[in-house]
PDB file of all heavy atoms in Angstrom:
ATOM      1  N   GLU A   1     100.057  72.143 104.560  1.00  0.00           N
ATOM      2  CA  GLU A   1     100.281  71.748 103.150  1.00  0.00           C
ATOM      3  C   GLU A   1      99.019  71.617 102.354  1.00  0.00           C
ATOM      4  O   GLU A   1      99.065  71.498 101.107  1.00  0.00           O
ATOM      5  CB  GLU A   1     101.082  70.455 103.100  1.00  0.00           C
ATOM      6  CG  GLU A   1     100.393  69.243 103.652  1.00  0.00           C
ATOM      7  CD  GLU A   1     100.584  69.015 105.179  1.00  0.00           C
ATOM      8  OE1 GLU A   1     101.045  69.998 105.786  1.00  0.00           O
ATOM      9  OE2 GLU A   1     100.294  67.946 105.624  1.00  0.00           O
ATOM     10  N   ARG A   2      97.883  71.664 103.034  1.00  0.00           N
ATOM     11  CA  ARG A   2      96.571  71.629 102.332  1.00  0.00           C
ATOM     12  C   ARG A   2      95.850  72.977 102.413  1.00  0.00           C
ATOM     13  O   ARG A   2      94.654  73.074 102.193  1.00  0.00           O
ATOM     14  CB  ARG A   2      95.712  70.506 102.891  1.00  0.00           C
ATOM     15  CG  ARG A   2      96.224  69.125 102.488  1.00  0.00           C
ATOM     16  CD  ARG A   2      95.176  68.051 102.633  1.00  0.00           C
ATOM     17  NE  ARG A   2      95.033  67.585 104.004  1.00  0.00           N
ATOM     18  CZ  ARG A   2      93.922  67.676 104.739  1.00  0.00           C
ATOM     19  NH1 ARG A   2      92.818  68.234 104.221  1.00  0.00           N
ATOM     20  NH2 ARG A   2      93.888  67.198 105.950  1.00  0.00           N
ATOM     21  N   ARG A   3      96.652  74.032 102.691  1.00  0.00           N
ATOM     22  CA  ARG A   3      96.097  75.380 102.696  1.00  0.00           C
ATOM     23  C   ARG A   3      96.896  76.232 101.697  1.00  0.00           C
ATOM     24  O   ARG A   3      98.099  76.369 101.821  1.00  0.00           O
ATOM     25  CB  ARG A   3      96.189  76.007 104.095  1.00  0.00           C
ATOM     26  CG  ARG A   3      95.465  75.215 105.177  1.00  0.00           C
ATOM     27  CD  ARG A   3      95.279  76.052 106.442  1.00  0.00           C
ATOM     28  NE  ARG A   3      96.528  76.573 106.982  1.00  0.00           N
ATOM     29  CZ  ARG A   3      97.207  76.034 108.003  1.00  0.00           C
ATOM     30  NH1 ARG A   3      96.792  74.924 108.580  1.00  0.00           N
ATOM     31  NH2 ARG A   3      98.320  76.641 108.449  1.00  0.00           N
ATOM     32  N   VAL A   4      96.209  76.765 100.703  1.00  0.00           N
ATOM     33  CA  VAL A   4      96.820  77.658  99.724  1.00  0.00           C
ATOM     34  C   VAL A   4      96.325  79.064  99.943  1.00  0.00           C
ATOM     35  O   VAL A   4      95.128  79.307 100.024  1.00  0.00           O
ATOM     36  CB  VAL A   4      96.484  77.178  98.295  1.00  0.00           C
ATOM     37  CG1 VAL A   4      96.997  78.199  97.250  1.00  0.00           C
ATOM     38  CG2 VAL A   4      97.056  75.815  98.001  1.00  0.00           C
ATOM     39  N   VAL A   5      97.246  79.997 100.050  1.00  0.00           N
ATOM     40  CA  VAL A   5      96.907  81.402 100.245  1.00  0.00           C
ATOM     41  C   VAL A   5      96.951  82.141  98.907  1.00  0.00           C
ATOM     42  O   VAL A   5      97.964  82.067  98.204  1.00  0.00           O
ATOM     43  CB  VAL A   5      97.845  82.091 101.250  1.00  0.00           C
ATOM     44  CG1 VAL A   5      97.520  83.551 101.425  1.00  0.00           C
ATOM     45  CG2 VAL A   5      97.856  81.349 102.572  1.00  0.00           C
ATOM     46  N   ALA A   6      95.872  82.802  98.579  1.00  0.00           N
ATOM     47  CA  ALA A   6      95.828  83.645  97.382  1.00  0.00           C
ATOM     48  C   ALA A   6      95.835  85.101  97.863  1.00  0.00           C
ATOM     49  O   ALA A   6      94.814  85.650  98.325  1.00  0.00           O
ATOM     50  CB  ALA A   6      94.589  83.376  96.557  1.00  0.00           C
ATOM     51  N   ASP A   7      97.008  85.703  97.814  1.00  0.00           N
ATOM     52  CA  ASP A   7      97.208  87.068  98.286  1.00  0.00           C
ATOM     53  C   ASP A   7      96.824  88.003  97.132  1.00  0.00           C
ATOM     54  O   ASP A   7      97.635  88.407  96.291  1.00  0.00           O
ATOM     55  CB  ASP A   7      98.676  87.289  98.684  1.00  0.00           C
ATOM     56  CG  ASP A   7      99.031  88.716  98.974  1.00  0.00           C
ATOM     57  OD1 ASP A   7      98.103  89.480  99.340  1.00  0.00           O
ATOM     58  OD2 ASP A   7     100.219  89.094  98.842  1.00  0.00           O
ATOM     59  N   LEU A   8      95.557  88.376  97.087  1.00  0.00           N
ATOM     60  CA  LEU A   8      95.003  89.041  95.898  1.00  0.00           C
ATOM     61  C   LEU A   8      95.352  90.516  95.784  1.00  0.00           C
ATOM     62  O   LEU A   8      95.239  91.103  94.706  1.00  0.00           O
ATOM     63  CB  LEU A   8      93.458  88.905  95.866  1.00  0.00           C
ATOM     64  CG  LEU A   8      92.951  87.484  95.837  1.00  0.00           C
ATOM     65  CD1 LEU A   8      91.426  87.412  95.776  1.00  0.00           C
ATOM     66  CD2 LEU A   8      93.552  86.674  94.685  1.00  0.00           C
ATOM     67  N   TRP A   9      95.858  91.130  96.888  1.00  0.00           N
ATOM     68  CA  TRP A   9      96.160  92.566  96.839  1.00  0.00           C
ATOM     69  C   TRP A   9      97.648  92.849  97.103  1.00  0.00           C
ATOM     70  O   TRP A   9      98.009  93.976  97.350  1.00  0.00           O
ATOM     71  CB  TRP A   9      95.285  93.316  97.860  1.00  0.00           C
ATOM     72  CG  TRP A   9      93.885  93.502  97.426  1.00  0.00           C
ATOM     73  CD1 TRP A   9      93.266  92.946  96.325  1.00  0.00           C
ATOM     74  CD2 TRP A   9      92.899  94.302  98.022  1.00  0.00           C
ATOM     75  NE1 TRP A   9      91.969  93.343  96.239  1.00  0.00           N
ATOM     76  CE2 TRP A   9      91.688  94.175  97.312  1.00  0.00           C
ATOM     77  CE3 TRP A   9      92.852  95.124  99.171  1.00  0.00           C
ATOM     78  CZ2 TRP A   9      90.504  94.862  97.644  1.00  0.00           C
ATOM     79  CZ3 TRP A   9      91.700  95.768  99.533  1.00  0.00           C
ATOM     80  CH2 TRP A   9      90.524  95.637  98.753  1.00  0.00           C
ATOM     81  N   GLY A  10      98.497  91.830  97.030  1.00  0.00           N
ATOM     82  CA  GLY A  10      99.931  92.073  97.119  1.00  0.00           C
ATOM     83  C   GLY A  10     100.432  92.454  98.479  1.00  0.00           C
ATOM     84  O   GLY A  10     101.439  93.141  98.614  1.00  0.00           O
ATOM     85  N   HIS A  11      99.749  91.994  99.554  1.00  0.00           N
ATOM     86  CA  HIS A  11     100.210  92.308 100.891  1.00  0.00           C
ATOM     87  C   HIS A  11     101.547  91.647 101.225  1.00  0.00           C
ATOM     88  O   HIS A  11     102.347  92.180 101.956  1.00  0.00           O
ATOM     89  CB  HIS A  11      99.155  91.841 101.913  1.00  0.00           C
ATOM     90  CG  HIS A  11      97.875  92.589 101.856  1.00  0.00           C
ATOM     91  ND1 HIS A  11      97.779  93.958 102.099  1.00  0.00           N
ATOM     92  CD2 HIS A  11      96.608  92.179 101.634  1.00  0.00           C
ATOM     93  CE1 HIS A  11      96.530  94.341 101.985  1.00  0.00           C
ATOM     94  NE2 HIS A  11      95.801  93.296 101.722  1.00  0.00           N
ATOM     95  N   TYR A  12     101.733  90.445 100.680  1.00  0.00           N
ATOM     96  CA  TYR A  12     102.959  89.666 100.970  1.00  0.00           C
ATOM     97  C   TYR A  12     104.120  90.159 100.106  1.00  0.00           C
ATOM     98  O   TYR A  12     104.665  89.468  99.246  1.00  0.00           O
ATOM     99  CB  TYR A  12     102.706  88.190 100.793  1.00  0.00           C
ATOM    100  CG  TYR A  12     103.774  87.277 101.345  1.00  0.00           C
ATOM    101  CD1 TYR A  12     104.059  87.245 102.666  1.00  0.00           C
ATOM    102  CD2 TYR A  12     104.473  86.435 100.481  1.00  0.00           C
ATOM    103  CE1 TYR A  12     105.093  86.435 103.179  1.00  0.00           C
ATOM    104  CE2 TYR A  12     105.460  85.595 100.970  1.00  0.00           C
ATOM    105  CZ  TYR A  12     105.748  85.606 102.317  1.00  0.00           C
ATOM    106  OH  TYR A  12     106.759  84.785 102.794  1.00  0.00           O
ATOM    107  N   ASN A  13     104.511  91.393 100.324  1.00  0.00           N
ATOM    108  CA  ASN A  13     105.663  92.021  99.682  1.00  0.00           C
ATOM    109  C   ASN A  13     106.215  93.029 100.680  1.00  0.00           C
ATOM    110  O   ASN A  13     105.552  93.377 101.710  1.00  0.00           O
ATOM    111  CB  ASN A  13     105.241  92.789  98.408  1.00  0.00           C
ATOM    112  CG  ASN A  13     104.974  91.876  97.241  1.00  0.00           C
ATOM    113  OD1 ASN A  13     105.859  91.162  96.734  1.00  0.00           O
ATOM    114  ND2 ASN A  13     103.711  91.815  96.780  1.00  0.00           N
ATOM    115  N   ASP A  14     107.415  93.547 100.423  1.00  0.00           N
ATOM    116  CA  ASP A  14     107.879  94.696 101.134  1.00  0.00           C
ATOM    117  C   ASP A  14     106.890  95.826 100.904  1.00  0.00           C
ATOM    118  O   ASP A  14     106.132  95.792  99.918  1.00  0.00           O
ATOM    119  CB  ASP A  14     109.275  95.096 100.664  1.00  0.00           C
ATOM    120  CG  ASP A  14     110.308  94.018 100.980  1.00  0.00           C
ATOM    121  OD1 ASP A  14     110.100  93.254 101.963  1.00  0.00           O
ATOM    122  OD2 ASP A  14     111.304  93.939 100.252  1.00  0.00           O
ATOM    123  N   THR A  15     106.920  96.815 101.745  1.00  0.00           N
ATOM    124  CA  THR A  15     106.012  97.962 101.592  1.00  0.00           C
ATOM    125  C   THR A  15     106.284  98.675 100.238  1.00  0.00           C
ATOM    126  O   THR A  15     107.391  99.024  99.916  1.00  0.00           O
ATOM    127  CB  THR A  15     106.166  98.940 102.714  1.00  0.00           C
ATOM    128  OG1 THR A  15     105.779  98.295 103.927  1.00  0.00           O
ATOM    129  CG2 THR A  15     105.252 100.163 102.525  1.00  0.00           C
ATOM    130  N   ILE A  16     105.204  98.814  99.467  1.00  0.00           N
ATOM    131  CA  ILE A  16     105.290  99.421  98.131  1.00  0.00           C
ATOM    132  C   ILE A  16     104.287 100.556  98.109  1.00  0.00           C
ATOM    133  O   ILE A  16     103.144 100.422  98.509  1.00  0.00           O
ATOM    134  CB  ILE A  16     104.929  98.400  97.030  1.00  0.00           C
ATOM    135  CG1 ILE A  16     105.890  97.206  97.077  1.00  0.00           C
ATOM    136  CG2 ILE A  16     104.934  99.061  95.681  1.00  0.00           C
ATOM    137  CD1 ILE A  16     105.433  96.028  96.227  1.00  0.00           C
ATOM    138  N   ARG A  17     104.759 101.690  97.608  1.00  0.00           N
ATOM    139  CA  ARG A  17     103.891 102.871  97.412  1.00  0.00           C
ATOM    140  C   ARG A  17     104.046 103.368  96.006  1.00  0.00           C
ATOM    141  O   ARG A  17     105.168 103.660  95.589  1.00  0.00           O
ATOM    142  CB  ARG A  17     104.238 103.963  98.443  1.00  0.00           C
ATOM    143  CG  ARG A  17     103.207 105.084  98.445  1.00  0.00           C
ATOM    144  CD  ARG A  17     103.559 106.170  99.465  1.00  0.00           C
ATOM    145  NE  ARG A  17     102.470 107.147  99.597  1.00  0.00           N
ATOM    146  CZ  ARG A  17     101.531 107.115 100.513  1.00  0.00           C
ATOM    147  NH1 ARG A  17     101.518 106.121 101.401  1.00  0.00           N
ATOM    148  NH2 ARG A  17     100.569 108.013 100.528  1.00  0.00           N
ATOM    149  N   VAL A  18     102.918 103.468  95.293  1.00  0.00           N
ATOM    150  CA  VAL A  18     102.918 103.977  93.935  1.00  0.00           C
ATOM    151  C   VAL A  18     101.902 105.064  93.875  1.00  0.00           C
ATOM    152  O   VAL A  18     100.703 104.821  94.032  1.00  0.00           O
ATOM    153  CB  VAL A  18     102.571 102.873  92.920  1.00  0.00           C
ATOM    154  CG1 VAL A  18     102.721 103.387  91.500  1.00  0.00           C
ATOM    155  CG2 VAL A  18     103.463 101.628  93.142  1.00  0.00           C
ATOM    156  N   ASP A  19     102.332 106.301  93.576  1.00  0.00           N
ATOM    157  CA  ASP A  19     101.434 107.470  93.656  1.00  0.00           C
ATOM    158  C   ASP A  19     100.820 107.487  95.036  1.00  0.00           C
ATOM    159  O   ASP A  19     101.518 107.488  96.030  1.00  0.00           O
ATOM    160  CB  ASP A  19     100.359 107.391  92.562  1.00  0.00           C
ATOM    161  CG  ASP A  19     101.016 107.472  91.148  1.00  0.00           C
ATOM    162  OD1 ASP A  19     102.046 108.082  91.015  1.00  0.00           O
ATOM    163  OD2 ASP A  19     100.402 106.899  90.214  1.00  0.00           O
ATOM    164  N   HIS A  20      99.459 107.445  95.133  1.00  0.00           N
ATOM    165  CA  HIS A  20      98.803 107.407  96.414  1.00  0.00           C
ATOM    166  C   HIS A  20      98.489 106.001  96.873  1.00  0.00           C
ATOM    167  O   HIS A  20      97.938 105.757  97.953  1.00  0.00           O
ATOM    168  CB  HIS A  20      97.486 108.204  96.350  1.00  0.00           C
ATOM    169  CG  HIS A  20      97.631 109.657  96.065  1.00  0.00           C
ATOM    170  ND1 HIS A  20      98.466 110.450  96.832  1.00  0.00           N
ATOM    171  CD2 HIS A  20      97.089 110.453  95.134  1.00  0.00           C
ATOM    172  CE1 HIS A  20      98.396 111.698  96.348  1.00  0.00           C
ATOM    173  NE2 HIS A  20      97.588 111.731  95.349  1.00  0.00           N
ATOM    174  N   ASP A  21      98.825 105.022  96.046  1.00  0.00           N
ATOM    175  CA  ASP A  21      98.433 103.632  96.336  1.00  0.00           C
ATOM    176  C   ASP A  21      99.529 102.917  97.113  1.00  0.00           C
ATOM    177  O   ASP A  21     100.700 103.256  97.032  1.00  0.00           O
ATOM    178  CB  ASP A  21      98.185 102.905  95.006  1.00  0.00           C
ATOM    179  CG  ASP A  21      97.283 101.738  95.142  1.00  0.00           C
ATOM    180  OD1 ASP A  21      96.859 101.435  96.256  1.00  0.00           O
ATOM    181  OD2 ASP A  21      96.983 101.053  94.132  1.00  0.00           O
ATOM    182  N   PHE A  22      99.106 101.909  97.885  1.00  0.00           N
ATOM    183  CA  PHE A  22     100.065 101.213  98.732  1.00  0.00           C
ATOM    184  C   PHE A  22      99.498  99.843  99.054  1.00  0.00           C
ATOM    185  O   PHE A  22      98.284  99.612  98.998  1.00  0.00           O
ATOM    186  CB  PHE A  22     100.351 101.994 100.019  1.00  0.00           C
ATOM    187  CG  PHE A  22      99.131 102.745 100.526  1.00  0.00           C
ATOM    188  CD1 PHE A  22      98.177 102.059 101.255  1.00  0.00           C
ATOM    189  CD2 PHE A  22      98.952 104.109 100.245  1.00  0.00           C
ATOM    190  CE1 PHE A  22      97.043 102.733 101.729  1.00  0.00           C
ATOM    191  CE2 PHE A  22      97.814 104.758 100.730  1.00  0.00           C
ATOM    192  CZ  PHE A  22      96.856 104.100 101.462  1.00  0.00           C
ATOM    193  N   ASN A  23     100.390  98.919  99.448  1.00  0.00           N
ATOM    194  CA  ASN A  23      99.952  97.556  99.746  1.00  0.00           C
ATOM    195  C   ASN A  23      99.741  97.289 101.239  1.00  0.00           C
ATOM    196  O   ASN A  23      99.125  96.299 101.639  1.00  0.00           O
ATOM    197  CB  ASN A  23     100.917  96.523  99.165  1.00  0.00           C
ATOM    198  CG  ASN A  23     102.340  96.650  99.763  1.00  0.00           C
ATOM    199  OD1 ASN A  23     102.764  97.740 100.155  1.00  0.00           O
ATOM    200  ND2 ASN A  23     103.034  95.527  99.798  1.00  0.00           N
ATOM    201  N   HIS A  24     100.263  98.197 102.096  1.00  0.00           N
ATOM    202  CA  HIS A  24     100.063  98.048 103.545  1.00  0.00           C
ATOM    203  C   HIS A  24      99.302  99.289 104.039  1.00  0.00           C
ATOM    204  O   HIS A  24      99.829 100.391 104.070  1.00  0.00           O
ATOM    205  CB  HIS A  24     101.386  97.917 104.264  1.00  0.00           C
ATOM    206  CG  HIS A  24     102.167  96.696 103.847  1.00  0.00           C
ATOM    207  ND1 HIS A  24     103.536  96.678 103.674  1.00  0.00           N
ATOM    208  CD2 HIS A  24     101.740  95.430 103.522  1.00  0.00           C
ATOM    209  CE1 HIS A  24     103.906  95.475 103.302  1.00  0.00           C
ATOM    210  NE2 HIS A  24     102.840  94.728 103.173  1.00  0.00           N
ATOM    211  N   LEU A  25      98.047  99.085 104.345  1.00  0.00           N
ATOM    212  CA  LEU A  25      97.126 100.190 104.598  1.00  0.00           C
ATOM    213  C   LEU A  25      97.041 100.526 106.066  1.00  0.00           C
ATOM    214  O   LEU A  25      96.021 100.476 106.722  1.00  0.00           O
ATOM    215  CB  LEU A  25      95.710  99.815 104.094  1.00  0.00           C
ATOM    216  CG  LEU A  25      95.656  99.101 102.718  1.00  0.00           C
ATOM    217  CD1 LEU A  25      94.220  98.736 102.404  1.00  0.00           C
ATOM    218  CD2 LEU A  25      96.250  99.984 101.626  1.00  0.00           C
ATOM    219  N   GLU A  26      98.208 100.948 106.634  1.00  0.00           N
ATOM    220  CA  GLU A  26      98.270 101.196 108.084  1.00  0.00           C
ATOM    221  C   GLU A  26      97.206 102.178 108.561  1.00  0.00           C
ATOM    222  O   GLU A  26      96.555 102.009 109.598  1.00  0.00           O
ATOM    223  CB  GLU A  26      99.663 101.678 108.489  1.00  0.00           C
ATOM    224  CG  GLU A  26     100.774 100.695 108.306  1.00  0.00           C
ATOM    225  CD  GLU A  26     101.488 100.856 106.968  1.00  0.00           C
ATOM    226  OE1 GLU A  26     100.902 101.426 106.044  1.00  0.00           O
ATOM    227  OE2 GLU A  26     102.651 100.449 106.871  1.00  0.00           O
ATOM    228  N   LYS A  27      97.030 103.252 107.820  1.00  0.00           N
ATOM    229  CA  LYS A  27      96.049 104.282 108.214  1.00  0.00           C
ATOM    230  C   LYS A  27      94.605 103.783 108.180  1.00  0.00           C
ATOM    231  O   LYS A  27      93.732 104.283 108.886  1.00  0.00           O
ATOM    232  CB  LYS A  27      96.132 105.503 107.334  1.00  0.00           C
ATOM    233  CG  LYS A  27      97.375 106.373 107.583  1.00  0.00           C
ATOM    234  CD  LYS A  27      97.308 107.650 106.715  1.00  0.00           C
ATOM    235  CE  LYS A  27      98.476 108.550 106.943  1.00  0.00           C
ATOM    236  NZ  LYS A  27      98.394 109.772 106.120  1.00  0.00           N
ATOM    237  N   LEU A  28      94.370 102.769 107.360  1.00  0.00           N
ATOM    238  CA  LEU A  28      92.997 102.297 107.154  1.00  0.00           C
ATOM    239  C   LEU A  28      92.680 101.078 107.989  1.00  0.00           C
ATOM    240  O   LEU A  28      91.663 101.032 108.698  1.00  0.00           O
ATOM    241  CB  LEU A  28      92.769 101.965 105.679  1.00  0.00           C
ATOM    242  CG  LEU A  28      91.315 101.764 105.264  1.00  0.00           C
ATOM    243  CD1 LEU A  28      90.494 102.988 105.507  1.00  0.00           C
ATOM    244  CD2 LEU A  28      91.260 101.392 103.768  1.00  0.00           C
ATOM    245  N   ASP A  29      93.568 100.071 107.962  1.00  0.00           N
ATOM    246  CA  ASP A  29      93.229  98.826 108.700  1.00  0.00           C
ATOM    247  C   ASP A  29      94.072  98.593 109.952  1.00  0.00           C
ATOM    248  O   ASP A  29      93.884  97.643 110.694  1.00  0.00           O
ATOM    249  CB  ASP A  29      93.294  97.607 107.779  1.00  0.00           C
ATOM    250  CG  ASP A  29      94.656  97.395 107.167  1.00  0.00           C
ATOM    251  OD1 ASP A  29      95.700  97.634 107.840  1.00  0.00           O
ATOM    252  OD2 ASP A  29      94.732  96.979 106.008  1.00  0.00           O
ATOM    253  N   GLY A  30      95.089  99.472 110.159  1.00  0.00           N
ATOM    254  CA  GLY A  30      95.865  99.424 111.361  1.00  0.00           C
ATOM    255  C   GLY A  30      96.931  98.332 111.447  1.00  0.00           C
ATOM    256  O   GLY A  30      97.502  98.067 112.507  1.00  0.00           O
ATOM    257  N   HIS A  31      97.226  97.678 110.304  1.00  0.00           N
ATOM    258  CA  HIS A  31      98.182  96.588 110.306  1.00  0.00           C
ATOM    259  C   HIS A  31      99.440  96.953 109.507  1.00  0.00           C
ATOM    260  O   HIS A  31      99.360  97.448 108.375  1.00  0.00           O
ATOM    261  CB  HIS A  31      97.535  95.312 109.671  1.00  0.00           C
ATOM    262  CG  HIS A  31      96.436  94.761 110.533  1.00  0.00           C
ATOM    263  ND1 HIS A  31      96.676  94.099 111.709  1.00  0.00           N
ATOM    264  CD2 HIS A  31      95.092  94.787 110.389  1.00  0.00           C
ATOM    265  CE1 HIS A  31      95.520  93.735 112.270  1.00  0.00           C
ATOM    266  NE2 HIS A  31      94.524  94.125 111.453  1.00  0.00           N
ATOM    267  N   LEU A  32     100.581  96.695 110.103  1.00  0.00           N
ATOM    268  CA  LEU A  32     101.877  97.011 109.473  1.00  0.00           C
ATOM    269  C   LEU A  32     102.254  95.882 108.524  1.00  0.00           C
ATOM    270  O   LEU A  32     101.723  94.791 108.565  1.00  0.00           O
ATOM    271  CB  LEU A  32     102.924  97.217 110.541  1.00  0.00           C
ATOM    272  CG  LEU A  32     102.633  98.306 111.589  1.00  0.00           C
ATOM    273  CD1 LEU A  32     103.683  98.291 112.670  1.00  0.00           C
ATOM    274  CD2 LEU A  32     102.599  99.644 110.896  1.00  0.00           C
TER     275      LEU A  32
END
């Protein structure tokens, strides 16, 4: 309750892809 998360790049969403952009960078950082 004393930890606030600022998700600055929108990771905490369903997978979103817009043009070539995406919020879950599996190819780059290996995390789903």
